[in-house]
Amino acid sequence: WKGTENKNRVYYRDEEKKDGFVHLLTDDDGQYTFIGNEGKTFYFTTNFNAPKEKIIAIDIEKPEKAHWSDVVAEQDDVISFAKLMNHQFVVGFLHHAYDQLKIYELDGTFHQEVKLPKYISLTGLTGKKSATEMLIGYTSYLAPTKIMKYDFASNELEMVLENTNLFPTEQFETTQVFYTSK
């Protein structure tokens, strides 16, 4: 490797054929994180030509860059992670130093934002590709980790785990202030 740049290579192997590994991404031109696949289409988050990251689709039968497609384009906010749940992308964005969670269809169409409290840090996200629910862990400046269950069909959140033996936080306020640098 050259320095501390976030770059990697990706190889895969068809488990049914038991052949050798196929060199899919070998150019050392970016960081690629495998999200999942639908058949022969592999999905990755990458910083290749997208410093704030994007989601791409690669058909492994036509893996040349000319055939790649941007599924979720680079945006103003940085993509922290992406997962494949409920046959959709669940994408975490870092927005002004706190996390937001958005859902996209596999074709990249924006579906909806998960209405989480403001000024939180996501600590975990659990769910499977075909799951209709996911668990979301988060923390904030005023509270330890909480875990909520999200139902994809109803777009509803339900508290699963919360520490209720805490000091009262009603007298505290979390705000975000921006200043112009000198």
N, C-alpha and C. Protein backbone atom coordinates (compact mmCIF):
# COMPACT_ATOMS: atom_id res chain seq x y z
N TRP A 1 0.84 -1.19 0.00
CA TRP A 1 0.00 0.00 0.00
C TRP A 1 0.87 1.23 0.00
N LYS A 2 0.28 2.31 -0.38
CA LYS A 2 0.97 3.59 -0.45
C LYS A 2 0.42 4.51 0.63
N GLY A 3 1.16 4.70 1.70
CA GLY A 3 0.73 5.61 2.75
C GLY A 3 -0.48 5.08 3.50
N THR A 4 -1.35 6.01 3.89
CA THR A 4 -2.52 5.64 4.69
C THR A 4 -3.83 5.81 3.94
N GLU A 5 -3.76 5.89 2.62
CA GLU A 5 -4.97 6.06 1.83
C GLU A 5 -5.91 4.87 2.02
N ASN A 6 -7.21 5.16 2.06
CA ASN A 6 -8.21 4.10 2.16
C ASN A 6 -8.47 3.51 0.79
N LYS A 7 -7.73 2.46 0.48
CA LYS A 7 -7.90 1.77 -0.80
C LYS A 7 -7.84 0.27 -0.53
N ASN A 8 -8.55 -0.48 -1.33
CA ASN A 8 -8.53 -1.93 -1.17
C ASN A 8 -8.84 -2.61 -2.50
N ARG A 9 -8.73 -3.92 -2.49
CA ARG A 9 -9.04 -4.74 -3.65
C ARG A 9 -10.14 -5.72 -3.24
N VAL A 10 -10.89 -6.19 -4.23
CA VAL A 10 -11.98 -7.13 -3.93
C VAL A 10 -11.89 -8.31 -4.88
N TYR A 11 -11.97 -9.50 -4.30
CA TYR A 11 -11.99 -10.76 -5.03
C TYR A 11 -13.23 -11.53 -4.57
N TYR A 12 -13.74 -12.40 -5.41
CA TYR A 12 -14.87 -13.24 -5.00
C TYR A 12 -14.71 -14.62 -5.63
N ARG A 13 -15.51 -15.55 -5.12
CA ARG A 13 -15.47 -16.91 -5.65
C ARG A 13 -16.88 -17.48 -5.62
N ASP A 14 -17.28 -18.10 -6.71
CA ASP A 14 -18.57 -18.77 -6.80
C ASP A 14 -18.46 -20.08 -6.01
N GLU A 15 -19.17 -20.17 -4.92
CA GLU A 15 -19.08 -21.34 -4.05
C GLU A 15 -19.64 -22.61 -4.68
N GLU A 16 -20.53 -22.46 -5.65
CA GLU A 16 -21.08 -23.65 -6.31
C GLU A 16 -20.09 -24.27 -7.28
N LYS A 17 -19.27 -23.43 -7.92
CA LYS A 17 -18.32 -23.93 -8.91
C LYS A 17 -17.00 -24.37 -8.28
N LYS A 18 -16.67 -23.84 -7.12
CA LYS A 18 -15.43 -24.16 -6.41
C LYS A 18 -14.19 -23.82 -7.23
N ASP A 19 -14.32 -22.87 -8.15
CA ASP A 19 -13.16 -22.42 -8.93
C ASP A 19 -12.31 -21.48 -8.06
N GLY A 20 -11.28 -20.93 -8.65
CA GLY A 20 -10.44 -19.97 -7.95
C GLY A 20 -11.14 -18.64 -7.77
N PHE A 21 -10.44 -17.73 -7.14
CA PHE A 21 -10.99 -16.40 -6.89
C PHE A 21 -10.95 -15.56 -8.17
N VAL A 22 -12.00 -14.77 -8.35
CA VAL A 22 -12.10 -13.84 -9.47
C VAL A 22 -11.66 -12.47 -8.97
N HIS A 23 -10.79 -11.81 -9.71
CA HIS A 23 -10.30 -10.48 -9.36
C HIS A 23 -11.32 -9.46 -9.87
N LEU A 24 -12.11 -8.90 -8.95
CA LEU A 24 -13.17 -7.97 -9.36
C LEU A 24 -12.68 -6.53 -9.36
N LEU A 25 -12.10 -6.08 -8.25
CA LEU A 25 -11.63 -4.70 -8.12
C LEU A 25 -10.16 -4.76 -7.72
N THR A 26 -9.28 -4.45 -8.65
CA THR A 26 -7.84 -4.63 -8.39
C THR A 26 -7.00 -3.41 -8.72
N ASP A 27 -7.59 -2.26 -9.00
CA ASP A 27 -6.83 -1.11 -9.48
C ASP A 27 -6.28 -0.21 -8.39
N ASP A 28 -6.54 -0.49 -7.13
CA ASP A 28 -6.09 0.39 -6.04
C ASP A 28 -6.51 1.84 -6.26
N ASP A 29 -7.75 2.04 -6.73
CA ASP A 29 -8.21 3.38 -7.05
C ASP A 29 -9.25 3.91 -6.08
N GLY A 30 -9.56 3.17 -5.04
CA GLY A 30 -10.53 3.63 -4.06
C GLY A 30 -10.79 2.57 -3.01
N GLN A 31 -11.63 2.94 -2.08
CA GLN A 31 -12.06 1.99 -1.05
C GLN A 31 -13.43 1.46 -1.45
N TYR A 32 -13.60 0.16 -1.37
CA TYR A 32 -14.85 -0.49 -1.74
C TYR A 32 -15.32 -1.35 -0.58
N THR A 33 -16.54 -1.11 -0.12
CA THR A 33 -17.11 -1.90 0.97
C THR A 33 -18.33 -2.62 0.43
N PHE A 34 -18.30 -3.94 0.48
CA PHE A 34 -19.39 -4.76 -0.05
C PHE A 34 -20.62 -4.59 0.84
N ILE A 35 -21.75 -4.28 0.23
CA ILE A 35 -23.02 -4.13 0.96
C ILE A 35 -23.81 -5.43 0.86
N GLY A 36 -23.89 -5.98 -0.34
CA GLY A 36 -24.67 -7.19 -0.58
C GLY A 36 -24.85 -7.38 -2.07
N ASN A 37 -25.66 -8.34 -2.42
CA ASN A 37 -25.91 -8.58 -3.84
C ASN A 37 -27.34 -9.02 -4.05
N GLU A 38 -27.79 -8.82 -5.27
CA GLU A 38 -29.05 -9.35 -5.77
C GLU A 38 -28.66 -10.11 -7.02
N GLY A 39 -28.60 -11.43 -6.93
CA GLY A 39 -28.15 -12.23 -8.06
C GLY A 39 -26.71 -11.91 -8.39
N LYS A 40 -26.47 -11.56 -9.64
CA LYS A 40 -25.10 -11.28 -10.09
C LYS A 40 -24.75 -9.79 -10.03
N THR A 41 -25.60 -9.00 -9.38
CA THR A 41 -25.30 -7.58 -9.18
C THR A 41 -24.78 -7.39 -7.77
N PHE A 42 -23.55 -6.89 -7.66
CA PHE A 42 -22.91 -6.63 -6.38
C PHE A 42 -23.00 -5.13 -6.09
N TYR A 43 -23.30 -4.79 -4.84
CA TYR A 43 -23.42 -3.39 -4.42
C TYR A 43 -22.28 -3.06 -3.46
N PHE A 44 -21.69 -1.88 -3.67
CA PHE A 44 -20.59 -1.41 -2.83
C PHE A 44 -20.78 0.06 -2.49
N THR A 45 -20.30 0.46 -1.31
CA THR A 45 -20.05 1.88 -1.09
C THR A 45 -18.61 2.09 -1.52
N THR A 46 -18.35 3.27 -2.08
CA THR A 46 -16.99 3.55 -2.54
C THR A 46 -16.70 5.04 -2.50
N ASN A 47 -15.41 5.34 -2.36
CA ASN A 47 -14.96 6.73 -2.48
C ASN A 47 -14.29 6.97 -3.83
N PHE A 48 -14.40 6.01 -4.75
CA PHE A 48 -13.85 6.18 -6.10
C PHE A 48 -14.62 7.29 -6.81
N ASN A 49 -13.94 8.37 -7.16
CA ASN A 49 -14.55 9.56 -7.77
C ASN A 49 -15.68 10.14 -6.92
N ALA A 50 -15.64 9.90 -5.61
CA ALA A 50 -16.69 10.40 -4.72
C ALA A 50 -16.13 10.48 -3.29
N PRO A 51 -15.44 11.56 -2.94
CA PRO A 51 -14.82 11.65 -1.62
C PRO A 51 -15.80 11.48 -0.45
N LYS A 52 -17.08 11.81 -0.68
CA LYS A 52 -18.08 11.65 0.39
C LYS A 52 -18.82 10.33 0.28
N GLU A 53 -18.38 9.50 -0.63
CA GLU A 53 -18.88 8.15 -0.87
C GLU A 53 -20.19 8.14 -1.67
N LYS A 54 -20.40 7.02 -2.32
CA LYS A 54 -21.61 6.75 -3.10
C LYS A 54 -21.81 5.25 -3.11
N ILE A 55 -22.96 4.81 -3.61
CA ILE A 55 -23.24 3.38 -3.75
C ILE A 55 -23.24 3.06 -5.23
N ILE A 56 -22.49 2.02 -5.58
CA ILE A 56 -22.42 1.60 -6.98
C ILE A 56 -22.92 0.16 -7.12
N ALA A 57 -23.31 -0.17 -8.33
CA ALA A 57 -23.72 -1.54 -8.68
C ALA A 57 -22.78 -2.05 -9.76
N ILE A 58 -22.30 -3.29 -9.56
CA ILE A 58 -21.43 -3.91 -10.55
C ILE A 58 -22.03 -5.27 -10.92
N ASP A 59 -22.31 -5.43 -12.19
CA ASP A 59 -22.76 -6.73 -12.71
C ASP A 59 -21.50 -7.57 -12.90
N ILE A 60 -21.39 -8.67 -12.18
CA ILE A 60 -20.14 -9.43 -12.22
C ILE A 60 -19.92 -10.13 -13.57
N GLU A 61 -20.95 -10.16 -14.42
CA GLU A 61 -20.75 -10.69 -15.76
C GLU A 61 -20.20 -9.63 -16.72
N LYS A 62 -20.32 -8.34 -16.33
CA LYS A 62 -19.75 -7.21 -17.08
C LYS A 62 -19.09 -6.26 -16.08
N PRO A 63 -17.96 -6.68 -15.48
CA PRO A 63 -17.39 -5.91 -14.36
C PRO A 63 -16.56 -4.69 -14.76
N GLU A 64 -16.41 -4.40 -16.03
CA GLU A 64 -15.61 -3.25 -16.44
C GLU A 64 -16.27 -1.96 -15.95
N LYS A 65 -15.43 -0.97 -15.62
CA LYS A 65 -15.93 0.31 -15.07
C LYS A 65 -16.96 0.97 -15.98
N ALA A 66 -16.85 0.78 -17.27
CA ALA A 66 -17.81 1.38 -18.20
C ALA A 66 -19.22 0.88 -17.95
N HIS A 67 -19.36 -0.28 -17.32
CA HIS A 67 -20.68 -0.87 -17.06
C HIS A 67 -21.17 -0.63 -15.64
N TRP A 68 -20.36 -0.02 -14.79
CA TRP A 68 -20.79 0.27 -13.42
C TRP A 68 -21.91 1.30 -13.45
N SER A 69 -22.76 1.25 -12.46
CA SER A 69 -23.78 2.30 -12.35
C SER A 69 -23.78 2.87 -10.94
N ASP A 70 -23.92 4.19 -10.88
CA ASP A 70 -24.09 4.86 -9.60
C ASP A 70 -25.54 4.68 -9.19
N VAL A 71 -25.73 4.05 -8.05
CA VAL A 71 -27.09 3.80 -7.58
C VAL A 71 -27.54 4.93 -6.66
N VAL A 72 -26.76 5.23 -5.64
CA VAL A 72 -27.01 6.39 -4.78
C VAL A 72 -25.80 7.30 -4.97
N ALA A 73 -26.02 8.43 -5.59
CA ALA A 73 -24.93 9.35 -5.93
C ALA A 73 -24.35 10.00 -4.68
N GLU A 74 -23.13 10.51 -4.83
CA GLU A 74 -22.50 11.28 -3.76
C GLU A 74 -23.39 12.48 -3.44
N GLN A 75 -23.49 12.81 -2.15
CA GLN A 75 -24.36 13.90 -1.72
C GLN A 75 -23.57 14.90 -0.89
N ASP A 76 -24.24 15.92 -0.37
CA ASP A 76 -23.56 16.90 0.48
C ASP A 76 -23.06 16.28 1.78
N ASP A 77 -23.81 15.33 2.31
CA ASP A 77 -23.42 14.64 3.55
C ASP A 77 -22.63 13.38 3.23
N VAL A 78 -21.73 13.02 4.12
CA VAL A 78 -20.88 11.85 3.94
C VAL A 78 -21.66 10.58 4.27
N ILE A 79 -21.53 9.56 3.42
CA ILE A 79 -22.11 8.25 3.74
C ILE A 79 -21.20 7.57 4.75
N SER A 80 -21.74 7.26 5.92
CA SER A 80 -20.98 6.57 6.97
C SER A 80 -20.99 5.07 6.74
N PHE A 81 -22.13 4.55 6.31
CA PHE A 81 -22.29 3.11 6.07
C PHE A 81 -23.54 2.89 5.25
N ALA A 82 -23.66 1.70 4.70
CA ALA A 82 -24.88 1.29 4.00
C ALA A 82 -25.07 -0.19 4.25
N LYS A 83 -26.32 -0.59 4.43
CA LYS A 83 -26.66 -1.98 4.64
C LYS A 83 -27.84 -2.33 3.73
N LEU A 84 -27.95 -3.61 3.44
CA LEU A 84 -29.05 -4.11 2.62
C LEU A 84 -30.03 -4.80 3.55
N MET A 85 -31.20 -4.17 3.76
CA MET A 85 -32.24 -4.71 4.62
C MET A 85 -33.60 -4.49 3.96
N ASN A 86 -34.49 -5.46 4.12
CA ASN A 86 -35.83 -5.35 3.54
C ASN A 86 -35.73 -5.14 2.02
N HIS A 87 -34.69 -5.68 1.41
CA HIS A 87 -34.42 -5.51 -0.02
C HIS A 87 -34.36 -4.03 -0.40
N GLN A 88 -33.81 -3.23 0.51
CA GLN A 88 -33.59 -1.80 0.30
C GLN A 88 -32.24 -1.44 0.90
N PHE A 89 -31.71 -0.27 0.51
CA PHE A 89 -30.50 0.24 1.14
C PHE A 89 -30.88 1.08 2.35
N VAL A 90 -30.29 0.78 3.47
CA VAL A 90 -30.41 1.62 4.66
C VAL A 90 -29.06 2.32 4.78
N VAL A 91 -29.07 3.64 4.65
CA VAL A 91 -27.83 4.40 4.53
C VAL A 91 -27.71 5.39 5.69
N GLY A 92 -26.57 5.34 6.36
CA GLY A 92 -26.27 6.29 7.43
C GLY A 92 -25.45 7.43 6.86
N PHE A 93 -25.89 8.65 7.12
CA PHE A 93 -25.18 9.85 6.68
C PHE A 93 -24.71 10.64 7.89
N LEU A 94 -23.54 11.23 7.78
CA LEU A 94 -23.06 12.16 8.81
C LEU A 94 -23.43 13.56 8.35
N HIS A 95 -24.36 14.18 9.09
CA HIS A 95 -24.90 15.48 8.74
C HIS A 95 -24.56 16.47 9.86
N HIS A 96 -23.67 17.39 9.59
CA HIS A 96 -23.27 18.39 10.58
C HIS A 96 -22.93 17.75 11.94
N ALA A 97 -22.16 16.69 11.93
CA ALA A 97 -21.63 16.02 13.12
C ALA A 97 -22.65 15.16 13.87
N TYR A 98 -23.80 14.86 13.27
CA TYR A 98 -24.71 13.88 13.86
C TYR A 98 -25.24 12.98 12.75
N ASP A 99 -25.76 11.83 13.15
CA ASP A 99 -26.15 10.81 12.17
C ASP A 99 -27.61 10.93 11.76
N GLN A 100 -27.85 10.64 10.47
CA GLN A 100 -29.19 10.52 9.92
C GLN A 100 -29.27 9.18 9.20
N LEU A 101 -30.48 8.64 9.10
CA LEU A 101 -30.69 7.35 8.48
C LEU A 101 -31.73 7.50 7.37
N LYS A 102 -31.35 7.07 6.14
CA LYS A 102 -32.26 7.20 5.00
C LYS A 102 -32.38 5.85 4.31
N ILE A 103 -33.52 5.64 3.67
CA ILE A 103 -33.80 4.38 2.98
C ILE A 103 -33.97 4.65 1.49
N TYR A 104 -33.31 3.81 0.67
CA TYR A 104 -33.38 3.92 -0.77
C TYR A 104 -33.78 2.57 -1.35
N GLU A 105 -34.48 2.61 -2.47
CA GLU A 105 -34.78 1.39 -3.21
C GLU A 105 -33.50 0.92 -3.90
N LEU A 106 -33.48 -0.32 -4.38
CA LEU A 106 -32.28 -0.86 -5.02
C LEU A 106 -31.92 -0.14 -6.32
N ASP A 107 -32.87 0.57 -6.91
CA ASP A 107 -32.55 1.35 -8.11
C ASP A 107 -32.05 2.75 -7.77
N GLY A 108 -31.92 3.05 -6.47
CA GLY A 108 -31.41 4.34 -6.02
C GLY A 108 -32.47 5.38 -5.72
N THR A 109 -33.73 5.06 -5.95
CA THR A 109 -34.81 5.99 -5.65
C THR A 109 -34.91 6.20 -4.14
N PHE A 110 -34.93 7.48 -3.72
CA PHE A 110 -35.09 7.79 -2.30
C PHE A 110 -36.47 7.34 -1.85
N HIS A 111 -36.53 6.59 -0.74
CA HIS A 111 -37.80 6.11 -0.22
C HIS A 111 -38.27 6.98 0.94
N GLN A 112 -37.45 7.10 1.98
CA GLN A 112 -37.82 7.95 3.11
C GLN A 112 -36.67 8.05 4.10
N GLU A 113 -36.79 9.02 4.98
CA GLU A 113 -35.85 9.19 6.08
C GLU A 113 -36.47 8.57 7.33
N VAL A 114 -35.66 7.86 8.11
CA VAL A 114 -36.13 7.32 9.38
C VAL A 114 -36.08 8.47 10.37
N LYS A 115 -37.20 8.79 10.98
CA LYS A 115 -37.32 9.96 11.86
C LYS A 115 -36.74 9.66 13.24
N LEU A 116 -35.43 9.81 13.36
CA LEU A 116 -34.73 9.61 14.62
C LEU A 116 -34.57 10.96 15.32
N PRO A 117 -34.30 10.95 16.62
CA PRO A 117 -34.03 12.23 17.30
C PRO A 117 -32.81 12.92 16.69
N LYS A 118 -32.76 14.24 16.83
CA LYS A 118 -31.60 14.99 16.32
C LYS A 118 -30.41 14.82 17.25
N TYR A 119 -29.26 15.10 16.72
CA TYR A 119 -28.00 15.15 17.47
C TYR A 119 -27.65 13.81 18.12
N ILE A 120 -27.80 12.74 17.36
CA ILE A 120 -27.47 11.42 17.89
C ILE A 120 -26.27 10.84 17.13
N SER A 121 -25.68 9.82 17.73
CA SER A 121 -24.66 9.01 17.07
C SER A 121 -25.19 7.59 17.01
N LEU A 122 -25.27 7.04 15.82
CA LEU A 122 -25.72 5.66 15.68
C LEU A 122 -24.63 4.73 16.20
N THR A 123 -25.02 3.76 17.00
CA THR A 123 -24.05 2.82 17.58
C THR A 123 -24.20 1.42 17.01
N GLY A 124 -25.28 1.16 16.30
CA GLY A 124 -25.46 -0.16 15.71
C GLY A 124 -26.74 -0.22 14.91
N LEU A 125 -26.73 -1.11 13.93
CA LEU A 125 -27.89 -1.33 13.07
C LEU A 125 -27.91 -2.81 12.74
N THR A 126 -29.01 -3.47 13.06
CA THR A 126 -29.09 -4.92 12.87
C THR A 126 -30.35 -5.26 12.09
N GLY A 127 -30.18 -6.10 11.09
CA GLY A 127 -31.29 -6.57 10.28
C GLY A 127 -30.75 -7.39 9.13
N LYS A 128 -31.60 -8.15 8.52
CA LYS A 128 -31.19 -9.00 7.40
C LYS A 128 -31.77 -8.49 6.10
N LYS A 129 -31.24 -8.99 5.02
CA LYS A 129 -31.64 -8.58 3.68
C LYS A 129 -33.15 -8.71 3.47
N SER A 130 -33.74 -9.78 3.97
CA SER A 130 -35.17 -10.00 3.77
C SER A 130 -36.02 -9.61 4.98
N ALA A 131 -35.38 -9.04 6.01
CA ALA A 131 -36.11 -8.68 7.24
C ALA A 131 -37.06 -7.52 6.99
N THR A 132 -38.18 -7.52 7.69
CA THR A 132 -39.14 -6.42 7.60
C THR A 132 -38.99 -5.44 8.76
N GLU A 133 -38.04 -5.73 9.65
CA GLU A 133 -37.75 -4.85 10.78
C GLU A 133 -36.24 -4.77 10.95
N MET A 134 -35.81 -3.69 11.61
CA MET A 134 -34.41 -3.58 11.97
C MET A 134 -34.31 -2.98 13.37
N LEU A 135 -33.20 -3.25 14.03
CA LEU A 135 -32.92 -2.67 15.33
C LEU A 135 -31.88 -1.57 15.15
N ILE A 136 -32.12 -0.44 15.80
CA ILE A 136 -31.26 0.73 15.68
C ILE A 136 -30.77 1.10 17.07
N GLY A 137 -29.47 1.13 17.25
CA GLY A 137 -28.88 1.59 18.50
C GLY A 137 -28.32 2.98 18.31
N TYR A 138 -28.54 3.86 19.30
CA TYR A 138 -27.99 5.20 19.21
C TYR A 138 -27.77 5.77 20.60
N THR A 139 -26.95 6.79 20.65
CA THR A 139 -26.66 7.50 21.89
C THR A 139 -26.66 8.99 21.58
N SER A 140 -26.73 9.79 22.63
CA SER A 140 -26.70 11.24 22.45
C SER A 140 -25.90 11.86 23.58
N TYR A 141 -25.76 13.17 23.53
CA TYR A 141 -25.03 13.87 24.58
C TYR A 141 -25.69 13.73 25.95
N LEU A 142 -26.99 13.53 25.97
CA LEU A 142 -27.73 13.51 27.23
C LEU A 142 -28.17 12.13 27.67
N ALA A 143 -27.93 11.10 26.88
CA ALA A 143 -28.46 9.78 27.25
C ALA A 143 -27.53 8.67 26.78
N PRO A 144 -27.48 7.59 27.54
CA PRO A 144 -26.71 6.42 27.08
C PRO A 144 -27.45 5.72 25.94
N THR A 145 -26.88 4.65 25.44
CA THR A 145 -27.43 3.95 24.28
C THR A 145 -28.88 3.52 24.49
N LYS A 146 -29.66 3.76 23.46
CA LYS A 146 -31.05 3.30 23.41
C LYS A 146 -31.16 2.41 22.18
N ILE A 147 -32.09 1.46 22.23
CA ILE A 147 -32.32 0.58 21.08
C ILE A 147 -33.78 0.67 20.69
N MET A 148 -34.00 0.92 19.40
CA MET A 148 -35.36 1.02 18.88
C MET A 148 -35.54 0.00 17.76
N LYS A 149 -36.78 -0.44 17.58
CA LYS A 149 -37.15 -1.33 16.49
C LYS A 149 -37.87 -0.50 15.44
N TYR A 150 -37.45 -0.66 14.20
CA TYR A 150 -38.06 0.06 13.09
C TYR A 150 -38.80 -0.93 12.21
N ASP A 151 -40.06 -0.64 11.90
CA ASP A 151 -40.88 -1.46 11.01
C ASP A 151 -40.89 -0.79 9.63
N PHE A 152 -40.35 -1.49 8.63
CA PHE A 152 -40.26 -0.92 7.28
C PHE A 152 -41.63 -0.63 6.68
N ALA A 153 -42.61 -1.49 6.91
CA ALA A 153 -43.93 -1.32 6.29
C ALA A 153 -44.67 -0.11 6.84
N SER A 154 -44.63 0.07 8.15
CA SER A 154 -45.39 1.16 8.77
C SER A 154 -44.57 2.43 8.99
N ASN A 155 -43.25 2.35 8.81
CA ASN A 155 -42.35 3.48 9.07
C ASN A 155 -42.47 3.93 10.52
N GLU A 156 -42.64 2.98 11.43
CA GLU A 156 -42.79 3.31 12.84
C GLU A 156 -41.63 2.79 13.66
N LEU A 157 -41.28 3.59 14.67
CA LEU A 157 -40.23 3.23 15.62
C LEU A 157 -40.85 2.86 16.95
N GLU A 158 -40.28 1.85 17.59
CA GLU A 158 -40.75 1.42 18.91
C GLU A 158 -39.53 1.23 19.81
N MET A 159 -39.57 1.81 21.02
CA MET A 159 -38.47 1.67 21.95
C MET A 159 -38.39 0.23 22.44
N VAL A 160 -37.20 -0.35 22.37
CA VAL A 160 -36.98 -1.72 22.81
C VAL A 160 -36.19 -1.75 24.12
N LEU A 161 -35.18 -0.90 24.21
CA LEU A 161 -34.33 -0.88 25.40
C LEU A 161 -33.93 0.54 25.70
N GLU A 162 -34.22 0.96 26.93
CA GLU A 162 -33.90 2.32 27.36
C GLU A 162 -33.65 2.29 28.86
N ASN A 163 -32.61 2.94 29.29
CA ASN A 163 -32.33 3.04 30.72
C ASN A 163 -33.19 4.17 31.27
N THR A 164 -34.11 3.83 32.14
CA THR A 164 -35.03 4.84 32.69
C THR A 164 -34.57 5.36 34.04
N ASN A 165 -33.51 4.81 34.59
CA ASN A 165 -33.00 5.24 35.90
C ASN A 165 -31.91 6.29 35.72
N LEU A 166 -32.27 7.37 35.11
CA LEU A 166 -31.31 8.43 34.84
C LEU A 166 -31.73 9.71 35.52
N PHE A 167 -30.82 10.65 35.57
CA PHE A 167 -31.18 11.96 36.10
C PHE A 167 -32.08 12.65 35.08
N PRO A 168 -32.93 13.56 35.54
CA PRO A 168 -33.84 14.24 34.61
C PRO A 168 -33.06 15.12 33.63
N THR A 169 -33.37 14.97 32.35
CA THR A 169 -32.66 15.72 31.32
C THR A 169 -33.49 16.88 30.76
N GLU A 170 -34.69 17.06 31.26
CA GLU A 170 -35.56 18.10 30.72
C GLU A 170 -34.96 19.49 30.86
N GLN A 171 -34.12 19.69 31.88
CA GLN A 171 -33.55 21.02 32.10
C GLN A 171 -32.34 21.31 31.20
N PHE A 172 -31.97 20.33 30.36
CA PHE A 172 -30.83 20.49 29.47
C PHE A 172 -31.31 20.58 28.02
N GLU A 173 -30.54 21.29 27.23
CA GLU A 173 -30.87 21.45 25.83
C GLU A 173 -29.62 21.22 24.99
N THR A 174 -29.76 20.48 23.92
CA THR A 174 -28.66 20.29 22.97
C THR A 174 -28.97 21.12 21.74
N THR A 175 -28.05 22.01 21.41
CA THR A 175 -28.21 22.82 20.20
C THR A 175 -26.90 22.76 19.42
N GLN A 176 -26.98 23.11 18.18
CA GLN A 176 -25.80 23.14 17.33
C GLN A 176 -25.63 24.56 16.85
N VAL A 177 -24.43 25.08 17.01
CA VAL A 177 -24.14 26.47 16.63
C VAL A 177 -22.99 26.45 15.63
N PHE A 178 -23.12 27.27 14.60
CA PHE A 178 -22.08 27.38 13.57
C PHE A 178 -21.43 28.76 13.66
N TYR A 179 -20.13 28.81 13.54
CA TYR A 179 -19.40 30.07 13.54
C TYR A 179 -18.54 30.15 12.29
N THR A 180 -18.37 31.37 11.80
CA THR A 180 -17.48 31.59 10.68
C THR A 180 -16.05 31.62 11.20
N SER A 181 -15.18 30.89 10.55
CA SER A 181 -13.77 30.83 10.93
C SER A 181 -13.07 32.12 10.52
N LYS A 182 -12.10 32.53 11.32
CA LYS A 182 -11.33 33.73 10.98
C LYS A 182 -10.24 33.41 10.01
